C-alpha atoms as a PDB file:
ATOM      1  CA  MET A   1      56.335 -92.498-320.086  1.00  0.00           C
ATOM      2  CA  GLN A   2      56.285 -96.069-321.351  1.00  0.00           C
ATOM      3  CA  ASN A   3      54.595 -98.791-319.375  1.00  0.00           C
ATOM      4  CA  VAL A   4      57.472-100.327-317.427  1.00  0.00           C
ATOM      5  CA  ARG A   5      57.686-103.321-315.184  1.00  0.00           C
ATOM      6  CA  ARG A   6      60.241-103.846-312.465  1.00  0.00           C
ATOM      7  CA  THR A   7      62.031-107.164-312.629  1.00  0.00           C
ATOM      8  CA  HIS A   8      64.844-108.764-310.713  1.00  0.00           C
ATOM      9  CA  ILE A   9      67.740-110.277-312.611  1.00  0.00           C
ATOM     10  CA  THR A  10      71.108-111.524-311.494  1.00  0.00           C
ATOM     11  CA  LEU A  11      74.320-110.808-313.366  1.00  0.00           C
ATOM     12  CA  PRO A  12      77.950-111.613-312.658  1.00  0.00           C
ATOM     13  CA  ALA A  13      79.551-108.841-310.586  1.00  0.00           C
ATOM     14  CA  ASP A  14      82.358-108.246-313.083  1.00  0.00           C
ATOM     15  CA  LEU A  15      79.803-107.802-315.880  1.00  0.00           C
ATOM     16  CA  VAL A  16      77.874-105.216-313.846  1.00  0.00           C
ATOM     17  CA  THR A  17      81.139-103.361-313.210  1.00  0.00           C
ATOM     18  CA  ARG A  18      81.944-103.307-316.913  1.00  0.00           C
ATOM     19  CA  ILE A  19      78.423-102.092-317.790  1.00  0.00           C
ATOM     20  CA  ASP A  20      78.654 -99.357-315.170  1.00  0.00           C
ATOM     21  CA  LYS A  21      81.980 -98.189-316.624  1.00  0.00           C
ATOM     22  CA  LEU A  22      80.306 -97.835-320.011  1.00  0.00           C
ATOM     23  CA  VAL A  23      76.987 -96.242-319.080  1.00  0.00           C
ATOM     24  CA  GLY A  24      77.119 -95.421-315.362  1.00  0.00           C
ATOM     25  CA  THR A  25      74.945 -96.869-312.615  1.00  0.00           C
ATOM     26  CA  ARG A  26      72.021 -94.602-313.573  1.00  0.00           C
ATOM     27  CA  GLY A  27      72.118 -95.833-317.193  1.00  0.00           C
ATOM     28  CA  ARG A  28      72.233 -99.536-316.455  1.00  0.00           C
ATOM     29  CA  SER A  29      68.503-100.289-316.859  1.00  0.00           C
ATOM     30  CA  THR A  30      68.209 -98.357-320.119  1.00  0.00           C
ATOM     31  CA  PHE A  31      71.323-100.067-321.477  1.00  0.00           C
ATOM     32  CA  LEU A  32      70.094-103.548-320.571  1.00  0.00           C
ATOM     33  CA  ALA A  33      66.585-102.840-321.874  1.00  0.00           C
ATOM     34  CA  GLN A  34      68.000-101.698-325.242  1.00  0.00           C
ATOM     35  CA  LEU A  35      70.232-104.773-325.470  1.00  0.00           C
ATOM     36  CA  ALA A  36      67.302-107.046-324.662  1.00  0.00           C
ATOM     37  CA  LEU A  37      65.103-105.308-327.264  1.00  0.00           C
ATOM     38  CA  ASP A  38      67.823-105.617-329.921  1.00  0.00           C
ATOM     39  CA  GLU A  39      68.237-109.328-329.191  1.00  0.00           C
ATOM     40  CA  VAL A  40      64.481-109.994-329.220  1.00  0.00           C
ATOM     41  CA  ARG A  41      64.192-108.249-332.610  1.00  0.00           C
ATOM     42  CA  ARG A  42      67.175-110.215-333.945  1.00  0.00           C
ATOM     43  CA  ARG A  43      65.707-113.536-332.842  1.00  0.00           C
ATOM     44  CA  GLU A  44      62.271-112.661-334.238  1.00  0.00           C
ATOM     45  CA  LEU A  45      63.865-111.819-337.580  1.00  0.00           C
ATOM     46  CA  ILE A  46      65.818-115.080-337.600  1.00  0.00           C
ATOM     47  CA  LYS A  47      62.610-116.965-336.897  1.00  0.00           C
ATOM     48  CA  ILE A  48      60.896-115.249-339.849  1.00  0.00           C
ATOM     49  CA  LEU A  49      63.838-115.939-342.150  1.00  0.00           C
ATOM     50  CA  GLU A  50      63.968-119.607-341.165  1.00  0.00           C
ATOM     51  CA  ASP A  51      60.244-120.083-341.841  1.00  0.00           C
ATOM     52  CA  PRO A  52      59.809-122.053-345.085  1.00  0.00           C
ATOM     53  CA  GLU A  53      56.576-120.177-345.905  1.00  0.00           C
ATOM     54  CA  PRO A  54      57.520-117.108-347.990  1.00  0.00           C
ATOM     55  CA  ILE A  55      56.414-113.712-346.721  1.00  0.00           C
ATOM     56  CA  TRP A  56      56.212-112.216-350.215  1.00  0.00           C
ATOM     57  CA  LYS A  57      53.400-113.577-352.339  1.00  0.00           C
ATOM     58  CA  ASP A  58      52.903-112.502-355.963  1.00  0.00           C
ATOM     59  CA  GLU A  59      49.125-112.412-355.573  1.00  0.00           C
ATOM     60  CA  ASP A  60      49.529-109.697-352.913  1.00  0.00           C
ATOM     61  CA  HIS A  61      51.350-107.469-355.429  1.00  0.00           C
ATOM     62  CA  PRO A  62      49.487-107.571-358.766  1.00  0.00           C
ATOM     63  CA  ASP A  63      50.993-104.214-359.811  1.00  0.00           C
ATOM     64  CA  ILE A  64      54.484-105.691-359.818  1.00  0.00           C
ATOM     65  CA  ALA A  65      53.421-109.022-361.320  1.00  0.00           C
ATOM     66  CA  ALA A  66      51.725-107.245-364.255  1.00  0.00           C
ATOM     67  CA  LEU A  67      54.807-105.178-365.138  1.00  0.00           C
ATOM     68  CA  GLY A  68      57.528-107.594-364.172  1.00  0.00           C
ATOM     69  CA  SER A  69      59.922-106.788-361.358  1.00  0.00           C
ATOM     70  CA  ALA A  70      62.643-105.175-363.525  1.00  0.00           C
ATOM     71  CA  GLU A  71      60.191-102.739-365.152  1.00  0.00           C
ATOM     72  CA  TRP A  72      58.565-101.973-361.814  1.00  0.00           C
ATOM     73  CA  VAL A  73      61.986-101.084-360.316  1.00  0.00           C
ATOM     74  CA  ARG A  74      62.833 -98.867-363.329  1.00  0.00           C
ATOM     75  CA  ARG A  75      59.585 -96.963-362.879  1.00  0.00           C
ATOM     76  CA  GLN A  76      60.170 -96.586-359.160  1.00  0.00           C
ATOM     77  CA  ARG A  77      63.557 -95.081-359.969  1.00  0.00           C
ATOM     78  CA  GLY A  78      61.931 -92.615-362.351  1.00  0.00           C
ATOM     79  CA  HIS A  79      62.873 -94.182-365.707  1.00  0.00           C
ATOM     80  CA  ARG A  80      60.308 -94.269-368.460  1.00  0.00           C
ATOM     81  CA  PRO A  81      59.868 -97.093-370.973  1.00  0.00           C
ATOM     82  CA  GLY A  82      62.320 -96.767-373.868  1.00  0.00           C
ATOM     83  CA  GLU A  83      64.553 -94.415-371.899  1.00  0.00           C
ATOM     84  CA  ASP A  84      68.198 -95.352-371.410  1.00  0.00           C
ATOM     85  CA  ALA A  85      68.342 -96.616-367.841  1.00  0.00           C
ATOM     86  CA  GLU A  86      72.132 -96.678-367.517  1.00  0.00           C
ATOM     87  CA  LEU A  87      73.809 -94.617-364.853  1.00  0.00           C
ATOM     88  CA  PRO A  88      75.995 -91.698-365.917  1.00  0.00           C
ATOM     89  CA  PRO A  89      79.753 -92.292-365.721  1.00  0.00           C
ATOM     90  CA  PRO A  90      81.388 -91.322-362.426  1.00  0.00           C
ATOM     91  CA  PRO A  91      83.045 -87.894-362.329  1.00  0.00           C
ATOM     92  CA  ARG A  92      86.739 -87.853-363.183  1.00  0.00           C
ATOM     93  CA  ARG A  93      89.041 -87.224-360.300  1.00  0.00           C
ATOM     94  CA  ARG A  94      91.780 -84.689-360.663  1.00  0.00           C
ATOM     95  CA  ARG A  95      95.224 -86.018-359.959  1.00  0.00           C
ATOM     96  CA  GLN A  96      97.040 -84.598-357.009  1.00  0.00           C
ATOM     97  CA  PRO A  97     100.489 -83.229-357.824  1.00  0.00           C
ATOM     98  CA  ARG A  98     103.305 -85.504-356.676  1.00  0.00           C
ATOM     99  CA  LYS A  99     105.296 -84.484-353.661  1.00  0.00           C
ATOM    100  CA  PRO A 100     108.943 -83.925-354.444  1.00  0.00           C
ATOM    101  CA  ALA A 101     111.209 -86.789-353.411  1.00  0.00           C
ATOM    102  CA  ARG A 102     113.111 -86.237-350.199  1.00  0.00           C
ATOM    103  CA  GLN A 103     116.824 -85.717-350.605  1.00  0.00           C
ATOM    104  CA  ARG A 104     119.150 -87.590-348.286  1.00  0.00           C
END
């Protein structure tokens, strides 16, 4: 079992009622913990994205810098140099027969 800590929070009564209708009284803590975790992750991501210092640095990835990003992606996808990298055309769809018009 995870290390858990009991905490006391206050919520509006109508909100607790709505939560209980969704997850039941026995699922309330798990529901609120998951919501809190999702929001913490979202805010941490926003903080990272708003940071002016880039996370990706070319010097950390010399393999990509040496090839160039487009060639590196082609190789990751399994294409070899000089090979046609275009995707095959999509399969043709068979037409469905028309339904006869309704007579009035």
